[in-house]
Amino acid sequence: MSRRFLRTMLAAGGAAAVMALLPTSAQAASHSGGNYGAYGNEGQYPTTTYCSGTFRQVGPTKYAEGMALKYFYSDKCGSFARIENSRAGCAAVLQRSNDGVGRVDGWVSETVDPGINYAYTMMGNNLHGRVSKAVLSCDGHDLTETGWY
């Protein structure tokens, strides 16, 4: 499946359809820290059969240097971050808090692979009172972020 086709589907607003068409894992290596992985679904991509098609974008798309940051949520599975139109050296980051306070207790990131301009993270479990947010980070600097959801 061509990346152009995926971009066209995304531009057409078919985020759920695009998620169903994405590979079951991203090619870039993910990184995580804090207590990420402590809750169910963490360590899995949002394309797993159990979660596929259950996500919706929450909050507005954030932009920095022409790049887009989106936050997706599923009340069944949790959340993930996605960046689009990205340059090399950038990463989608999902930060998760153990409670509703909005303090980062765990995080996961995914870098942009050579030859493509998007990346999406594995899921974070922000269910049952936990919250999370998406961050666009390039060359070690956070360029923009969403609110806590």
N, C-alpha and C. Protein backbone atom coordinates (compact mmCIF):
# COMPACT_ATOMS: atom_id res chain seq x y z
N MET A 1 0.84 -1.16 0.00
CA MET A 1 0.00 0.00 0.00
C MET A 1 0.90 1.23 0.00
N SER A 2 0.61 2.19 -0.83
CA SER A 2 1.48 3.35 -0.96
C SER A 2 1.21 4.35 0.15
N ARG A 3 2.24 5.08 0.51
CA ARG A 3 2.11 6.13 1.52
C ARG A 3 1.22 7.26 0.97
N ARG A 4 1.27 7.50 -0.34
CA ARG A 4 0.42 8.52 -0.95
C ARG A 4 -1.05 8.18 -0.72
N PHE A 5 -1.40 6.91 -0.87
CA PHE A 5 -2.78 6.47 -0.64
C PHE A 5 -3.18 6.75 0.81
N LEU A 6 -2.28 6.44 1.76
CA LEU A 6 -2.58 6.68 3.16
C LEU A 6 -2.77 8.17 3.43
N ARG A 7 -1.90 9.02 2.85
CA ARG A 7 -2.04 10.46 3.04
C ARG A 7 -3.36 10.94 2.46
N THR A 8 -3.75 10.43 1.31
CA THR A 8 -5.01 10.82 0.68
C THR A 8 -6.18 10.43 1.56
N MET A 9 -6.15 9.23 2.12
CA MET A 9 -7.23 8.78 3.00
C MET A 9 -7.30 9.67 4.24
N LEU A 10 -6.15 10.03 4.80
CA LEU A 10 -6.12 10.85 5.99
C LEU A 10 -6.66 12.24 5.68
N ALA A 11 -6.26 12.80 4.54
CA ALA A 11 -6.74 14.12 4.15
C ALA A 11 -8.25 14.12 3.95
N ALA A 12 -8.78 13.01 3.55
CA ALA A 12 -10.22 12.90 3.32
C ALA A 12 -10.99 12.77 4.64
N GLY A 13 -10.27 12.74 5.76
CA GLY A 13 -10.93 12.69 7.06
C GLY A 13 -11.28 11.29 7.52
N GLY A 14 -10.75 10.28 6.89
CA GLY A 14 -11.07 8.92 7.26
C GLY A 14 -10.09 8.36 8.26
N ALA A 15 -9.94 9.00 9.42
CA ALA A 15 -8.95 8.55 10.40
C ALA A 15 -9.20 7.11 10.82
N ALA A 16 -10.44 6.73 11.05
CA ALA A 16 -10.73 5.35 11.45
C ALA A 16 -10.37 4.40 10.32
N ALA A 17 -10.69 4.79 9.08
CA ALA A 17 -10.36 3.94 7.94
C ALA A 17 -8.86 3.83 7.77
N VAL A 18 -8.16 4.92 7.98
CA VAL A 18 -6.70 4.89 7.85
C VAL A 18 -6.09 3.98 8.91
N MET A 19 -6.61 4.06 10.15
CA MET A 19 -6.05 3.22 11.21
C MET A 19 -6.20 1.76 10.84
N ALA A 20 -7.29 1.40 10.20
CA ALA A 20 -7.50 0.01 9.80
C ALA A 20 -6.52 -0.40 8.71
N LEU A 21 -6.00 0.56 7.95
CA LEU A 21 -5.10 0.26 6.84
C LEU A 21 -3.63 0.33 7.23
N LEU A 22 -3.32 0.87 8.41
CA LEU A 22 -1.93 1.01 8.81
C LEU A 22 -1.33 -0.36 9.13
N PRO A 23 -0.01 -0.49 8.99
CA PRO A 23 0.62 -1.75 9.37
C PRO A 23 0.43 -2.01 10.86
N THR A 24 0.56 -3.25 11.27
CA THR A 24 0.32 -3.58 12.67
C THR A 24 1.40 -3.07 13.60
N SER A 25 2.50 -2.60 13.08
CA SER A 25 3.51 -1.94 13.90
C SER A 25 4.26 -0.95 13.05
N ALA A 26 4.73 0.10 13.69
CA ALA A 26 5.55 1.08 12.98
C ALA A 26 6.94 0.51 12.79
N GLN A 27 7.67 1.04 11.83
CA GLN A 27 9.00 0.51 11.54
C GLN A 27 10.06 1.04 12.49
N ALA A 28 9.91 2.27 12.94
CA ALA A 28 10.91 2.86 13.83
C ALA A 28 10.81 2.21 15.20
N ALA A 29 11.91 2.22 15.89
CA ALA A 29 11.91 1.68 17.25
C ALA A 29 11.26 2.67 18.19
N SER A 30 10.40 2.19 19.05
CA SER A 30 9.79 3.08 20.03
C SER A 30 10.69 3.14 21.26
N HIS A 31 10.50 4.19 22.02
CA HIS A 31 11.22 4.38 23.27
C HIS A 31 10.19 4.70 24.34
N SER A 32 10.47 4.33 25.57
CA SER A 32 9.53 4.63 26.64
C SER A 32 10.30 4.85 27.93
N GLY A 33 9.59 5.40 28.92
CA GLY A 33 10.22 5.66 30.20
C GLY A 33 9.19 5.79 31.30
N GLY A 34 9.69 6.04 32.50
CA GLY A 34 8.81 6.10 33.67
C GLY A 34 8.19 4.74 33.89
N ASN A 35 6.93 4.71 34.24
CA ASN A 35 6.27 3.43 34.47
C ASN A 35 5.41 3.02 33.27
N TYR A 36 5.78 3.49 32.06
CA TYR A 36 5.03 3.09 30.87
C TYR A 36 5.07 1.57 30.77
N GLY A 37 3.91 0.98 30.46
CA GLY A 37 3.79 -0.47 30.39
C GLY A 37 3.14 -1.06 31.61
N ALA A 38 2.85 -0.22 32.61
CA ALA A 38 2.27 -0.72 33.85
C ALA A 38 0.79 -1.06 33.73
N TYR A 39 0.13 -0.56 32.67
CA TYR A 39 -1.31 -0.75 32.54
C TYR A 39 -1.64 -1.48 31.24
N GLY A 40 -2.82 -2.09 31.21
CA GLY A 40 -3.27 -2.84 30.04
C GLY A 40 -3.22 -2.04 28.75
N ASN A 41 -2.94 -2.69 27.65
CA ASN A 41 -2.83 -2.15 26.30
C ASN A 41 -1.54 -1.37 26.05
N GLU A 42 -0.82 -0.97 27.08
CA GLU A 42 0.43 -0.26 26.85
C GLU A 42 1.46 -1.22 26.28
N GLY A 43 2.22 -0.76 25.32
CA GLY A 43 3.17 -1.62 24.62
C GLY A 43 2.60 -2.20 23.35
N GLN A 44 1.35 -1.88 23.02
CA GLN A 44 0.71 -2.34 21.79
C GLN A 44 0.37 -1.14 20.92
N TYR A 45 0.39 -1.36 19.61
CA TYR A 45 -0.01 -0.31 18.68
C TYR A 45 -1.53 -0.25 18.57
N PRO A 46 -2.05 0.92 18.20
CA PRO A 46 -3.51 1.08 18.11
C PRO A 46 -4.16 0.27 16.99
N THR A 47 -3.39 -0.40 16.20
CA THR A 47 -3.91 -1.20 15.09
C THR A 47 -4.20 -2.64 15.50
N THR A 48 -4.00 -2.98 16.78
CA THR A 48 -4.32 -4.34 17.22
C THR A 48 -5.80 -4.61 16.95
N THR A 49 -6.14 -5.82 16.67
CA THR A 49 -7.50 -6.19 16.33
C THR A 49 -8.50 -5.73 17.39
N TYR A 50 -8.15 -5.87 18.63
CA TYR A 50 -9.03 -5.51 19.74
C TYR A 50 -9.39 -4.02 19.71
N CYS A 51 -8.44 -3.16 19.30
CA CYS A 51 -8.63 -1.71 19.38
C CYS A 51 -8.90 -1.04 18.03
N SER A 52 -8.57 -1.68 16.95
CA SER A 52 -8.70 -1.07 15.62
C SER A 52 -10.11 -0.55 15.38
N GLY A 53 -10.19 0.69 14.91
CA GLY A 53 -11.47 1.29 14.58
C GLY A 53 -12.21 1.91 15.74
N THR A 54 -11.63 1.90 16.95
CA THR A 54 -12.32 2.45 18.11
C THR A 54 -11.84 3.85 18.48
N PHE A 55 -10.84 4.37 17.77
CA PHE A 55 -10.26 5.67 18.13
C PHE A 55 -10.94 6.82 17.41
N ARG A 56 -10.95 7.97 18.09
CA ARG A 56 -11.41 9.22 17.48
C ARG A 56 -10.45 10.33 17.89
N GLN A 57 -10.29 11.32 17.03
CA GLN A 57 -9.42 12.43 17.38
C GLN A 57 -10.12 13.28 18.43
N VAL A 58 -9.37 13.67 19.45
CA VAL A 58 -9.87 14.52 20.51
C VAL A 58 -9.06 15.81 20.49
N GLY A 59 -9.73 16.93 20.59
CA GLY A 59 -9.05 18.22 20.58
C GLY A 59 -8.60 18.59 19.18
N PRO A 60 -8.18 19.83 19.04
CA PRO A 60 -7.76 20.31 17.72
C PRO A 60 -6.38 19.79 17.33
N THR A 61 -6.14 19.72 16.03
CA THR A 61 -4.80 19.42 15.54
C THR A 61 -3.91 20.61 15.90
N LYS A 62 -2.73 20.32 16.41
CA LYS A 62 -1.76 21.36 16.76
C LYS A 62 -0.70 21.40 15.66
N TYR A 63 -0.18 22.59 15.36
CA TYR A 63 0.81 22.75 14.29
C TYR A 63 2.06 23.44 14.80
N ALA A 64 3.21 23.03 14.26
CA ALA A 64 4.49 23.68 14.53
C ALA A 64 5.38 23.45 13.32
N GLU A 65 5.91 24.51 12.77
CA GLU A 65 6.82 24.43 11.62
C GLU A 65 6.21 23.63 10.47
N GLY A 66 4.91 23.75 10.28
CA GLY A 66 4.23 23.05 9.20
C GLY A 66 3.92 21.59 9.48
N MET A 67 4.29 21.10 10.66
CA MET A 67 4.02 19.71 11.05
C MET A 67 2.75 19.67 11.89
N ALA A 68 2.04 18.56 11.84
CA ALA A 68 0.78 18.41 12.56
C ALA A 68 0.92 17.39 13.68
N LEU A 69 0.29 17.67 14.80
CA LEU A 69 0.23 16.77 15.95
C LEU A 69 -1.24 16.49 16.24
N LYS A 70 -1.58 15.20 16.36
CA LYS A 70 -2.96 14.80 16.65
C LYS A 70 -2.98 13.83 17.83
N TYR A 71 -4.06 13.92 18.59
CA TYR A 71 -4.26 13.05 19.75
C TYR A 71 -5.52 12.23 19.50
N PHE A 72 -5.40 10.91 19.64
CA PHE A 72 -6.53 10.01 19.43
C PHE A 72 -6.84 9.26 20.72
N TYR A 73 -8.14 9.03 20.94
CA TYR A 73 -8.60 8.39 22.18
C TYR A 73 -9.67 7.33 21.86
N SER A 74 -9.63 6.27 22.64
CA SER A 74 -10.66 5.23 22.61
C SER A 74 -11.05 4.91 24.04
N ASP A 75 -12.34 4.95 24.36
CA ASP A 75 -12.75 4.63 25.72
C ASP A 75 -12.64 3.13 26.00
N LYS A 76 -12.26 2.38 24.99
CA LYS A 76 -12.04 0.94 25.13
C LYS A 76 -10.55 0.63 25.36
N CYS A 77 -9.65 1.42 24.73
CA CYS A 77 -8.24 1.05 24.70
C CYS A 77 -7.26 2.08 25.26
N GLY A 78 -7.62 3.35 25.28
CA GLY A 78 -6.69 4.38 25.74
C GLY A 78 -6.42 5.40 24.65
N SER A 79 -5.17 5.81 24.49
CA SER A 79 -4.86 6.90 23.56
C SER A 79 -3.53 6.67 22.86
N PHE A 80 -3.31 7.46 21.81
CA PHE A 80 -2.01 7.48 21.13
C PHE A 80 -1.82 8.83 20.46
N ALA A 81 -0.57 9.15 20.15
CA ALA A 81 -0.21 10.40 19.47
C ALA A 81 0.24 10.09 18.06
N ARG A 82 -0.04 11.02 17.15
CA ARG A 82 0.37 10.88 15.75
C ARG A 82 0.89 12.22 15.25
N ILE A 83 2.01 12.19 14.51
CA ILE A 83 2.51 13.38 13.84
C ILE A 83 2.47 13.14 12.34
N GLU A 84 2.23 14.22 11.59
CA GLU A 84 2.13 14.15 10.14
C GLU A 84 2.91 15.29 9.52
N ASN A 85 3.31 15.10 8.26
CA ASN A 85 4.08 16.10 7.52
C ASN A 85 5.35 16.46 8.28
N SER A 86 5.94 15.46 8.90
CA SER A 86 7.08 15.67 9.78
C SER A 86 8.41 15.52 9.05
N ARG A 87 9.40 16.19 9.58
CA ARG A 87 10.77 16.05 9.07
C ARG A 87 11.52 15.02 9.91
N ALA A 88 12.68 14.63 9.41
CA ALA A 88 13.54 13.71 10.17
C ALA A 88 13.94 14.38 11.48
N GLY A 89 14.22 13.57 12.47
CA GLY A 89 14.64 14.09 13.77
C GLY A 89 13.48 14.42 14.69
N CYS A 90 12.27 14.07 14.28
CA CYS A 90 11.09 14.37 15.10
C CYS A 90 10.45 13.08 15.62
N ALA A 91 9.68 13.24 16.68
CA ALA A 91 9.02 12.09 17.30
C ALA A 91 7.64 12.48 17.79
N ALA A 92 6.73 11.53 17.69
CA ALA A 92 5.43 11.63 18.34
C ALA A 92 5.64 11.08 19.75
N VAL A 93 5.14 11.79 20.74
CA VAL A 93 5.31 11.37 22.14
C VAL A 93 3.95 11.37 22.81
N LEU A 94 3.67 10.32 23.56
CA LEU A 94 2.47 10.27 24.39
C LEU A 94 2.93 10.23 25.83
N GLN A 95 2.50 11.22 26.61
CA GLN A 95 2.82 11.26 28.03
C GLN A 95 1.57 10.89 28.81
N ARG A 96 1.73 10.03 29.82
CA ARG A 96 0.60 9.55 30.59
C ARG A 96 0.81 9.82 32.08
N SER A 97 -0.25 10.20 32.77
CA SER A 97 -0.23 10.43 34.21
C SER A 97 -1.01 9.31 34.89
N ASN A 98 -0.55 8.89 36.05
CA ASN A 98 -1.24 7.83 36.80
C ASN A 98 -2.59 8.28 37.32
N ASP A 99 -2.80 9.58 37.41
CA ASP A 99 -4.07 10.10 37.92
C ASP A 99 -4.47 11.32 37.09
N GLY A 100 -5.49 12.00 37.47
CA GLY A 100 -5.99 13.13 36.72
C GLY A 100 -5.24 14.42 36.93
N VAL A 101 -4.12 14.39 37.64
CA VAL A 101 -3.38 15.60 37.97
C VAL A 101 -2.62 16.17 36.76
N GLY A 102 -2.22 15.35 35.82
CA GLY A 102 -1.47 15.84 34.67
C GLY A 102 0.02 15.95 34.97
N ARG A 103 0.56 15.00 35.67
CA ARG A 103 1.99 14.91 35.96
C ARG A 103 2.49 13.67 35.20
N VAL A 104 3.56 13.82 34.44
CA VAL A 104 4.05 12.72 33.61
C VAL A 104 4.65 11.63 34.48
N ASP A 105 4.02 10.44 34.44
CA ASP A 105 4.53 9.28 35.16
C ASP A 105 5.09 8.23 34.21
N GLY A 106 4.62 8.25 32.96
CA GLY A 106 5.10 7.31 31.96
C GLY A 106 4.96 7.94 30.58
N TRP A 107 5.79 7.52 29.65
CA TRP A 107 5.74 8.07 28.30
C TRP A 107 6.22 7.05 27.29
N VAL A 108 5.80 7.24 26.04
CA VAL A 108 6.26 6.41 24.93
C VAL A 108 6.41 7.33 23.72
N SER A 109 7.42 7.07 22.89
CA SER A 109 7.64 7.90 21.70
C SER A 109 7.94 7.03 20.49
N GLU A 110 7.75 7.61 19.33
CA GLU A 110 8.03 6.93 18.07
C GLU A 110 8.61 7.96 17.11
N THR A 111 9.75 7.65 16.53
CA THR A 111 10.41 8.58 15.61
C THR A 111 9.92 8.37 14.18
N VAL A 112 10.19 9.36 13.35
CA VAL A 112 9.85 9.30 11.94
C VAL A 112 10.91 8.48 11.22
N ASP A 113 10.47 7.48 10.46
CA ASP A 113 11.39 6.65 9.68
C ASP A 113 11.91 7.40 8.47
N PRO A 114 13.11 7.07 8.00
CA PRO A 114 13.59 7.65 6.75
C PRO A 114 12.63 7.32 5.60
N GLY A 115 12.34 8.31 4.78
CA GLY A 115 11.49 8.09 3.62
C GLY A 115 10.00 8.29 3.85
N ILE A 116 9.58 8.49 5.10
CA ILE A 116 8.17 8.79 5.37
C ILE A 116 8.09 10.04 6.22
N ASN A 117 6.90 10.61 6.35
CA ASN A 117 6.78 11.88 7.08
C ASN A 117 5.74 11.81 8.20
N TYR A 118 5.51 10.63 8.76
CA TYR A 118 4.56 10.50 9.86
C TYR A 118 5.07 9.46 10.85
N ALA A 119 4.51 9.49 12.04
CA ALA A 119 4.80 8.48 13.05
C ALA A 119 3.64 8.47 14.03
N TYR A 120 3.39 7.32 14.65
CA TYR A 120 2.39 7.24 15.70
C TYR A 120 2.91 6.32 16.80
N THR A 121 2.48 6.62 18.01
CA THR A 121 2.99 5.89 19.17
C THR A 121 2.18 4.64 19.46
N MET A 122 2.72 3.83 20.33
CA MET A 122 1.94 2.76 20.93
C MET A 122 0.93 3.41 21.86
N MET A 123 -0.02 2.64 22.33
CA MET A 123 -1.08 3.18 23.16
C MET A 123 -0.61 3.45 24.59
N GLY A 124 -1.24 4.46 25.17
CA GLY A 124 -1.11 4.73 26.59
C GLY A 124 -2.46 4.50 27.24
N ASN A 125 -2.47 3.93 28.41
CA ASN A 125 -3.74 3.65 29.08
C ASN A 125 -4.11 4.83 29.96
N ASN A 126 -4.97 5.70 29.44
CA ASN A 126 -5.46 6.82 30.22
C ASN A 126 -6.92 6.60 30.61
N LEU A 127 -7.23 5.37 30.91
CA LEU A 127 -8.56 5.00 31.36
C LEU A 127 -8.62 5.02 32.88
N HIS A 128 -9.80 4.99 33.46
CA HIS A 128 -10.00 4.86 34.91
C HIS A 128 -9.33 5.99 35.70
N GLY A 129 -9.51 7.24 35.25
CA GLY A 129 -9.00 8.39 35.98
C GLY A 129 -7.60 8.85 35.59
N ARG A 130 -6.91 8.07 34.77
CA ARG A 130 -5.60 8.50 34.30
C ARG A 130 -5.80 9.45 33.11
N VAL A 131 -4.84 10.32 32.84
CA VAL A 131 -4.91 11.25 31.71
C VAL A 131 -3.63 11.14 30.88
N SER A 132 -3.70 11.64 29.64
CA SER A 132 -2.52 11.65 28.78
C SER A 132 -2.58 12.85 27.85
N LYS A 133 -1.45 13.13 27.21
CA LYS A 133 -1.38 14.20 26.22
C LYS A 133 -0.36 13.81 25.16
N ALA A 134 -0.47 14.45 23.99
CA ALA A 134 0.44 14.22 22.88
C ALA A 134 1.42 15.38 22.78
N VAL A 135 2.65 15.05 22.35
CA VAL A 135 3.71 16.05 22.20
C VAL A 135 4.42 15.80 20.88
N LEU A 136 4.74 16.88 20.16
CA LEU A 136 5.60 16.83 18.98
C LEU A 136 6.96 17.33 19.41
N SER A 137 7.95 16.46 19.33
CA SER A 137 9.30 16.78 19.77
C SER A 137 10.27 16.61 18.60
N CYS A 138 11.10 17.60 18.35
CA CYS A 138 12.10 17.53 17.28
C CYS A 138 13.48 17.89 17.82
N ASP A 139 14.44 17.05 17.54
CA ASP A 139 15.82 17.29 17.95
C ASP A 139 15.93 17.59 19.44
N GLY A 140 15.12 16.89 20.23
CA GLY A 140 15.19 17.02 21.68
C GLY A 140 14.42 18.19 22.26
N HIS A 141 13.65 18.92 21.43
CA HIS A 141 12.88 20.07 21.91
C HIS A 141 11.40 19.86 21.62
N ASP A 142 10.56 20.10 22.61
CA ASP A 142 9.11 20.01 22.41
C ASP A 142 8.64 21.24 21.66
N LEU A 143 7.99 21.03 20.51
CA LEU A 143 7.53 22.14 19.69
C LEU A 143 6.08 22.51 19.97
N THR A 144 5.25 21.53 20.23
CA THR A 144 3.85 21.78 20.57
C THR A 144 3.29 20.57 21.29
N GLU A 145 2.18 20.77 21.97
CA GLU A 145 1.54 19.67 22.70
C GLU A 145 0.04 19.92 22.79
N THR A 146 -0.69 18.86 23.05
CA THR A 146 -2.13 18.98 23.26
C THR A 146 -2.38 19.20 24.74
N GLY A 147 -3.64 19.38 25.09
CA GLY A 147 -4.01 19.40 26.50
C GLY A 147 -4.05 17.99 27.05
N TRP A 148 -4.25 17.89 28.36
CA TRP A 148 -4.41 16.58 29.01
C TRP A 148 -5.85 16.11 28.81
N TYR A 149 -6.00 14.86 28.42
CA TYR A 149 -7.33 14.28 28.24
C TYR A 149 -7.40 12.96 28.98
